[in-house]
Protein backbone atom coordinates (compact mmCIF):
# COMPACT_ATOMS: atom_id res chain seq x y z
CA MET A 1 -22.73 156.75 93.90
CA ARG A 2 -24.16 153.63 94.63
CA LYS A 3 -22.68 152.01 91.64
CA THR A 4 -19.55 153.11 92.57
CA VAL A 5 -20.16 151.63 96.22
CA SER A 6 -21.62 148.36 94.32
CA VAL A 7 -18.45 148.23 92.24
CA LEU A 8 -16.21 148.94 95.35
CA LEU A 9 -18.16 145.75 97.05
CA VAL A 10 -17.71 143.53 94.34
CA CYS A 11 -13.93 143.94 94.20
CA MET A 12 -13.45 143.65 97.91
CA LEU A 13 -15.44 140.32 97.49
CA ALA A 14 -12.99 139.33 94.70
CA ALA A 15 -10.16 140.41 96.35
CA VAL A 16 -11.27 138.13 99.63
CA LEU A 17 -11.98 135.10 97.51
CA PHE A 18 -8.54 135.77 95.61
CA LEU A 19 -7.07 135.86 99.01
CA SER A 20 -8.77 132.68 100.19
CA GLY A 21 -7.71 130.82 97.35
CA CYS A 22 -4.06 132.10 97.82
CA ALA A 23 -4.18 131.08 101.57
CA LYS A 24 -5.37 127.42 100.54
CA LYS A 25 -2.92 127.06 98.07
CA THR A 26 -0.21 127.88 100.77
CA GLY A 27 -1.63 125.27 102.94
CA ASP A 28 -1.64 122.61 100.10
CA THR A 29 2.43 122.79 100.05
CA GLY A 30 2.58 121.49 103.58
CA PRO A 31 3.67 118.20 104.18
CA ILE A 32 1.64 114.91 102.51
CA GLN A 33 0.20 113.43 105.47
CA ILE A 34 0.57 109.48 105.12
CA ALA A 35 -0.28 106.82 108.26
CA LEU A 36 1.79 103.64 109.11
CA GLN A 37 -0.65 101.15 110.81
CA ALA A 38 1.71 98.64 112.61
CA PRO A 39 1.89 96.48 115.80
CA ILE A 40 3.67 98.83 117.68
CA THR A 41 2.46 96.75 120.81
CA GLY A 42 1.25 93.08 121.32
CA ASP A 43 2.91 89.99 120.17
CA TYR A 44 4.31 91.14 116.95
CA ALA A 45 5.88 94.77 118.30
CA TYR A 46 8.90 93.46 117.30
CA GLU A 47 8.10 93.44 113.81
CA GLY A 48 6.11 96.72 114.29
CA GLN A 49 9.01 98.55 115.72
CA MET A 50 11.04 97.42 112.45
CA ALA A 51 8.30 98.89 110.35
CA LYS A 52 8.27 102.07 112.21
CA GLN A 53 12.15 102.69 111.38
CA SER A 54 12.11 101.48 107.97
CA VAL A 55 9.34 103.82 106.73
CA GLU A 56 10.87 106.77 108.87
CA VAL A 57 14.32 105.90 106.70
CA ALA A 58 12.23 105.80 103.63
CA ALA A 59 10.54 108.78 104.35
CA GLU A 60 13.68 110.84 105.18
CA LEU A 61 15.41 109.51 101.96
CA ILE A 62 12.53 110.78 100.03
CA ASN A 63 12.49 113.89 101.78
CA LYS A 64 15.95 114.62 101.25
CA ALA A 65 15.35 113.90 97.24
CA GLY A 66 12.90 116.75 97.22
CA GLY A 67 9.77 115.06 98.39
CA VAL A 68 7.06 114.63 95.77
CA LEU A 69 4.96 117.39 93.87
CA GLU A 70 7.11 119.65 95.86
CA ARG A 71 6.12 118.57 99.44
CA GLN A 72 7.71 116.92 102.04
CA ILE A 73 6.31 113.46 103.34
CA ALA A 74 5.04 113.16 106.99
CA VAL A 75 4.40 109.77 108.38
CA THR A 76 1.88 109.64 111.44
CA VAL A 77 1.82 105.89 113.41
CA VAL A 78 -1.18 104.21 114.37
CA ASP A 79 -0.65 101.22 116.80
CA ASP A 80 -2.84 97.81 116.03
CA GLY A 81 -2.01 96.23 119.05
CA SER A 82 -1.17 92.85 117.05
CA ASN A 83 -4.79 92.26 116.97
CA PRO A 84 -7.91 92.35 114.78
CA LYS A 85 -9.82 94.42 117.11
CA ASP A 86 -7.16 97.09 117.55
CA SER A 87 -6.79 97.16 114.11
CA ALA A 88 -10.21 98.11 113.32
CA ILE A 89 -9.67 100.81 115.65
CA ALA A 90 -6.68 102.06 114.33
CA ALA A 91 -8.15 102.44 110.54
CA GLN A 92 -10.56 104.24 111.92
CA LYS A 93 -8.14 106.71 113.83
CA ALA A 94 -6.20 106.74 110.45
CA VAL A 95 -9.30 107.61 108.47
CA SER A 96 -10.21 110.50 111.00
CA LEU A 97 -7.03 112.04 110.44
CA LYS A 98 -7.88 112.23 106.80
CA VAL A 99 -4.25 111.23 105.69
CA VAL A 100 -3.69 110.63 102.11
CA ALA A 101 -2.93 106.98 102.17
CA VAL A 102 -2.01 104.10 104.79
CA ILE A 103 0.90 101.64 105.10
CA GLY A 104 -0.06 98.65 107.16
CA SER A 105 -0.07 96.19 108.21
CA TYR A 106 1.64 92.99 109.68
CA GLY A 107 -0.50 89.71 109.79
CA SER A 108 -3.48 88.64 107.26
CA SER A 109 -6.00 88.45 110.24
CA VAL A 110 -4.68 91.90 111.60
CA THR A 111 -4.43 93.46 108.23
CA GLU A 112 -8.16 92.46 107.16
CA PRO A 113 -10.53 94.52 109.21
CA ALA A 114 -8.55 97.34 108.71
CA GLU A 115 -8.59 96.76 104.92
CA ASP A 116 -12.08 96.80 104.69
CA ILE A 117 -12.63 99.87 106.70
CA TYR A 118 -10.12 101.85 104.37
CA GLU A 119 -11.94 100.36 101.29
CA LYS A 120 -15.41 101.33 102.48
CA ASN A 121 -14.05 104.99 102.91
CA LYS A 122 -12.07 105.05 99.65
CA MET A 123 -8.33 105.64 101.23
CA VAL A 124 -5.76 103.82 99.55
CA SER A 125 -4.14 101.25 101.96
CA VAL A 126 -0.78 99.28 101.29
CA GLY A 127 0.04 96.09 103.12
CA TYR A 128 3.44 95.09 103.67
CA GLY A 129 3.27 91.90 105.67
CA CYS A 130 -0.26 90.09 104.83
CA THR A 131 0.12 87.54 102.53
CA ALA A 132 -3.41 85.77 102.63
CA LEU A 133 -4.99 85.15 98.93
CA ARG A 134 -8.46 86.26 100.05
CA LEU A 135 -7.19 89.89 100.86
CA THR A 136 -7.27 90.31 97.11
CA VAL A 137 -8.16 87.06 95.36
CA ASP A 138 -11.53 87.13 97.18
CA LYS A 139 -12.23 90.52 97.65
CA LYS A 140 -10.88 92.30 94.65
CA PRO A 141 -10.47 95.80 96.24
CA ALA A 142 -10.12 98.74 94.25
CA TYR A 143 -8.07 100.55 97.12
CA PHE A 144 -5.78 97.95 98.71
CA PHE A 145 -2.50 96.79 97.41
CA ARG A 146 0.74 94.89 99.08
CA THR A 147 4.26 94.79 98.28
CA CYS A 148 4.89 91.26 99.95
CA GLY A 149 4.32 88.24 98.23
CA ARG A 150 1.36 85.74 98.53
CA ASP A 151 0.79 82.25 100.45
CA ASP A 152 0.69 80.42 96.98
CA ALA A 153 3.93 81.71 96.20
CA GLN A 154 5.61 80.88 99.31
CA GLY A 155 4.31 77.14 99.46
CA LEU A 156 5.17 76.68 95.78
CA PHE A 157 8.58 77.34 97.02
CA PHE A 158 8.70 75.24 100.00
CA ALA A 159 7.56 72.31 98.06
CA LYS A 160 9.82 72.41 95.22
CA TYR A 161 12.92 72.89 97.12
CA ALA A 162 11.98 70.45 99.93
CA VAL A 163 11.29 67.67 97.65
CA GLU A 164 13.54 68.57 94.51
CA THR A 165 16.71 70.17 96.36
CA MET A 166 16.49 68.67 99.69
CA GLY A 167 15.27 65.63 98.64
CA ALA A 168 12.55 65.03 101.61
CA LYS A 169 10.26 62.28 101.33
CA ARG A 170 8.51 62.48 104.88
CA ILE A 171 7.37 65.91 105.20
CA ALA A 172 5.81 67.50 108.30
CA ILE A 173 3.51 70.90 108.04
CA MET A 174 2.58 72.41 111.10
CA HIS A 175 0.66 75.94 111.37
CA ASP A 176 -1.29 77.73 114.05
CA ASN A 177 -4.79 78.31 112.72
CA SER A 178 -4.06 81.95 111.88
CA THR A 179 -5.30 83.41 108.71
CA PHE A 180 -1.54 83.68 107.73
CA ALA A 181 -0.01 80.42 108.97
CA LYS A 182 -3.03 78.23 107.84
CA GLY A 183 -2.93 79.86 104.41
CA VAL A 184 0.64 79.00 103.90
CA ALA A 185 0.41 75.49 105.26
CA GLU A 186 -2.54 74.77 102.94
CA GLU A 187 -0.68 76.36 99.67
CA ALA A 188 2.45 74.35 100.72
CA LYS A 189 0.00 71.17 101.08
CA LYS A 190 -1.65 71.76 97.98
CA ALA A 191 1.93 72.55 95.94
CA LEU A 192 3.18 69.27 97.26
CA GLN A 193 0.28 66.78 95.98
CA PRO A 194 1.85 66.61 92.67
CA TYR A 195 4.78 65.22 94.24
CA VAL A 196 2.90 63.12 96.31
CA ASP A 197 0.70 61.51 93.51
CA ALA A 198 4.02 60.69 91.45
CA GLY A 199 5.21 58.78 94.57
CA LYS A 200 8.31 61.12 95.63
CA CYS A 201 7.02 62.14 98.99
CA GLU A 202 4.02 61.76 101.35
CA ILE A 203 2.92 64.14 104.13
CA ILE A 204 2.96 62.36 107.15
CA TYR A 205 1.96 65.17 109.58
CA TYR A 206 -0.38 68.22 109.01
CA ASP A 207 -1.75 70.07 112.35
CA ALA A 208 -1.76 72.81 114.09
CA VAL A 209 -0.68 74.43 117.47
CA THR A 210 -2.50 77.05 119.88
CA PRO A 211 -0.66 80.51 119.68
CA GLY A 212 0.15 81.98 123.01
CA GLU A 213 0.85 78.50 124.43
CA LYS A 214 4.45 77.99 126.06
CA ASP A 215 4.42 74.02 126.51
CA PHE A 216 4.15 72.26 123.29
CA SER A 217 5.34 68.88 124.60
CA ALA A 218 2.06 67.24 123.32
CA ALA A 219 2.27 68.33 119.55
CA VAL A 220 6.24 67.99 119.68
CA THR A 221 5.98 64.21 120.87
CA LYS A 222 3.19 63.28 118.05
CA LEU A 223 5.37 65.17 115.37
CA ARG A 224 8.88 63.19 116.38
CA ASN A 225 7.03 59.93 116.27
CA THR A 226 6.14 60.77 112.56
CA GLN A 227 10.14 60.72 111.96
CA PRO A 228 9.68 63.48 109.21
CA ASP A 229 12.73 64.24 106.95
CA VAL A 230 11.82 67.97 107.08
CA TRP A 231 9.33 69.86 109.30
CA TYR A 232 7.89 73.21 108.20
CA TYR A 233 6.11 75.16 110.63
CA THR A 234 4.37 78.18 108.71
CA GLY A 235 3.09 80.48 111.87
CA TYR A 236 5.14 83.19 114.08
CA TYR A 237 8.18 83.83 115.51
CA THR A 238 6.82 83.88 119.05
CA GLU A 239 6.14 80.38 119.01
CA ALA A 240 8.48 78.80 116.17
CA GLY A 241 11.45 79.78 118.70
CA LEU A 242 9.60 77.72 121.55
CA LEU A 243 8.73 74.82 119.51
CA VAL A 244 12.23 74.38 117.89
CA ARG A 245 13.72 74.37 121.38
CA GLN A 246 11.31 72.08 122.81
CA ALA A 247 11.07 69.62 119.64
CA ARG A 248 15.11 69.14 119.93
CA ASP A 249 14.98 69.05 123.87
CA ALA A 250 12.80 65.82 122.93
CA GLY A 251 15.32 64.42 120.25
CA LEU A 252 13.89 65.19 116.89
CA THR A 253 16.60 66.01 114.85
CA CYS A 254 15.14 66.65 111.38
CA PRO A 255 15.69 70.09 109.38
CA PHE A 256 13.25 73.07 111.01
CA ILE A 257 12.14 75.47 108.22
CA GLY A 258 10.24 78.20 109.34
CA GLY A 259 7.94 80.30 107.08
CA ASN A 260 8.79 84.07 106.41
CA ALA A 261 6.83 85.08 109.56
CA ALA A 262 8.83 82.66 111.75
CA ILE A 263 12.38 83.28 111.70
CA ASN A 264 13.93 86.66 112.56
CA ASP A 265 16.33 88.04 115.60
CA ASP A 266 13.65 87.72 118.36
CA PHE A 267 13.37 83.78 117.42
CA ILE A 268 16.83 83.26 117.56
CA LYS A 269 16.70 84.92 121.49
CA ILE A 270 13.55 82.57 121.96
CA ALA A 271 15.47 79.72 120.71
CA GLY A 272 18.69 80.25 121.78
CA ILE A 273 21.43 80.31 119.13
CA ASP A 274 22.74 76.70 119.88
CA VAL A 275 19.24 75.51 118.57
CA ALA A 276 18.69 78.25 116.26
CA LYS A 277 21.63 77.52 114.35
CA GLY A 278 20.75 75.72 111.02
CA CYS A 279 17.26 76.16 111.19
CA LEU A 280 16.02 77.28 107.82
CA MET A 281 13.14 79.73 106.59
CA THR A 282 11.41 80.31 103.22
CA GLN A 283 11.84 83.92 102.65
CA GLU A 284 11.62 87.06 100.46
CA PRO A 285 15.20 88.47 99.86
CA LEU A 286 16.31 90.22 103.07
CA VAL A 287 17.62 93.65 102.71
CA THR A 288 21.43 92.53 103.15
CA ASP A 289 21.14 90.67 99.64
CA VAL A 290 19.42 93.31 97.90
CA THR A 291 21.23 95.13 95.37
CA THR A 292 19.21 98.33 94.19
CA ALA A 293 20.43 102.11 94.63
CA ILE A 294 17.84 102.52 97.08
CA SER A 295 18.88 99.40 99.13
CA GLU A 296 22.53 100.89 99.60
CA GLN A 297 21.29 104.19 101.05
CA PHE A 298 18.27 102.32 103.01
CA ARG A 299 20.96 100.15 104.72
CA THR A 300 23.38 102.99 105.45
CA LEU A 301 21.23 105.11 106.79
CA TYR A 302 19.21 102.48 108.72
CA LYS A 303 22.52 101.50 110.31
CA GLU A 304 23.31 105.22 111.27
CA LYS A 305 20.03 105.69 112.88
CA PHE A 306 19.33 102.11 114.43
CA GLY A 307 22.38 100.10 114.57
CA ASP A 308 21.56 97.13 112.19
CA VAL A 309 19.50 96.34 109.26
CA PRO A 310 15.73 94.72 109.60
CA SER A 311 16.19 91.20 110.64
CA SER A 312 12.98 90.10 108.20
CA PRO A 313 11.91 91.25 105.08
CA TRP A 314 8.60 92.82 106.24
CA PRO A 315 9.92 96.41 107.42
CA VAL A 316 11.69 96.81 104.26
CA TYR A 317 8.19 96.20 102.50
CA ALA A 318 6.53 98.60 104.74
CA ALA A 319 9.23 100.93 103.09
CA ASP A 320 8.56 99.88 99.91
CA ALA A 321 4.89 100.39 100.69
CA LEU A 322 5.85 104.38 100.77
CA TYR A 323 7.82 104.22 97.88
CA ALA A 324 4.57 102.70 95.93
CA ILE A 325 2.59 105.71 97.61
CA VAL A 326 4.82 108.40 96.93
CA GLY A 327 5.40 107.04 93.10
CA ALA A 328 1.60 106.77 92.46
CA ILE A 329 1.16 110.38 93.64
CA LYS A 330 3.88 111.32 91.32
CA ASN A 331 2.69 109.80 88.47
CA ALA A 332 -0.91 110.96 89.13
CA ASN A 333 0.13 114.20 89.98
CA SER A 334 -2.45 114.17 92.46
CA ILE A 335 -2.99 113.18 96.33
CA GLU A 336 -6.56 112.20 95.75
CA SER A 337 -7.36 108.48 96.42
CA ASP A 338 -9.17 107.78 93.32
CA ALA A 339 -6.08 109.32 91.22
CA ILE A 340 -3.60 107.46 93.42
CA ALA A 341 -5.44 104.15 93.20
CA THR A 342 -5.52 104.24 89.32
CA ALA A 343 -2.05 104.93 89.05
CA MET A 344 -1.23 102.01 90.86
CA HIS A 345 -3.03 100.07 88.93
CA THR A 346 -2.21 101.17 85.74
CA ASN A 347 0.88 103.39 86.00
CA MET A 348 3.72 102.64 88.19
CA THR A 349 6.33 103.33 85.35
CA GLY A 350 9.72 104.41 86.85
CA VAL A 351 8.49 103.52 90.77
CA GLU A 352 11.32 102.07 92.53
CA GLY A 353 11.34 100.65 96.02
CA VAL A 354 14.31 99.48 98.75
CA THR A 355 13.49 95.94 96.64
CA GLY A 356 13.26 96.95 93.41
CA ALA A 357 10.79 98.03 90.65
CA ILE A 358 7.01 98.22 92.05
CA LYS A 359 4.26 97.14 90.03
CA PHE A 360 0.91 95.84 91.09
CA THR A 361 -1.72 93.36 89.20
CA ALA A 362 -5.40 94.35 88.68
CA ILE A 363 -6.16 93.07 92.05
CA GLY A 364 -3.35 94.57 93.85
CA ASP A 365 -0.71 92.02 94.53
CA ARG A 366 3.18 92.88 93.86
CA GLU A 367 4.47 91.14 90.67
CA ASP A 368 7.34 89.07 90.68
CA VAL A 369 8.18 88.83 94.22
CA PRO A 370 10.87 86.13 94.61
CA TYR A 371 11.93 83.57 97.66
CA LYS A 372 15.03 82.14 98.77
CA MET A 373 15.66 79.52 101.21
CA TYR A 374 17.83 81.21 104.40
CA GLU A 375 19.90 79.65 107.03
CA VAL A 376 20.55 80.88 110.60
CA THR A 377 24.23 80.86 110.92
CA ALA A 378 26.30 79.94 114.17
CA ASP A 379 26.85 83.88 114.97
CA GLY A 380 23.13 84.59 114.49
CA LYS A 381 23.24 86.02 110.85
CA TYR A 382 21.49 85.05 107.73
CA ILE A 383 22.72 83.12 104.75
CA VAL A 384 21.37 82.02 101.81
CA HIS A 385 21.18 78.14 102.33
CA GLN A 386 23.55 76.01 100.53
CA GLN A 387 22.45 72.44 100.30
């Protein structure tokens, strides 16, 4: 009798364990949770909202195609308020949610504290609008990647275009001392040095303005008096629009070239179309000029949901970040951080995003990011500049 009872107990225990295992397996068929960290509020909320919308569109396209590992994708948004302090808080929240991976964020100085927190917690994060070299070159992270380009690539593109295509002799560079803007300015200055040494141009102005200011008359007057052939501003659109308006009012007529955070639809609103038209920007290709299969699907669905496509590349790179994460999960056949990170470093075969194939270098930078020079048209659109 005792033996029979013992056998029954063992069988019951085995049944409980089996059912528990089944329950866990069933739970694993639920959505794969991914976080988007973005500036939903604060100075860069316009970019944050577009990033949120772009990731929503990408998630819908991915889920319509069957998701990944026979599971759907669910995205939770955490707001970093466009500043480093709130970025750290947002990162801690994402970690506490125990998401599989994180997309984010916009701005290198905002991204950096979050990157450190995700790295410490061994959580994969993919930046979409953070271009400072030190995020990868100095830190050499194991779990951080980015789908956008780096400051040095943009600086090199500007230098070559300004001198060789536009024939500029007297070049002015202005930044706002932020990690991003100063980084691009320094890389542009470095890339111009060979031309300076060869006597092909000179840098006649290199200085910074203070972000958040409204009156830039002193900086504009100093800049105007140097009589530049080209003025390159590497800061953000919130100040760029005011600077251009005040510079034109002060009589500065040389071409204005913004870096890839300086010009979007909000820039045009701030500057006014009469001033914004003709302004140029060094920029990764806008989604309107991307011809991949996914880009067509993305544009169509984005327009259906939100009326028009994003006016800057960063939101599209946020969508690419989701495609990169999903592609790595598929190739790794796992949602574990180490497996996803390893796949991103070594096996991104067949992974395509809105802007094309996605592959990363050994330190997490995206390979082969192109640049173009864009121009604002009289009706507020963006076209590739023709010299």
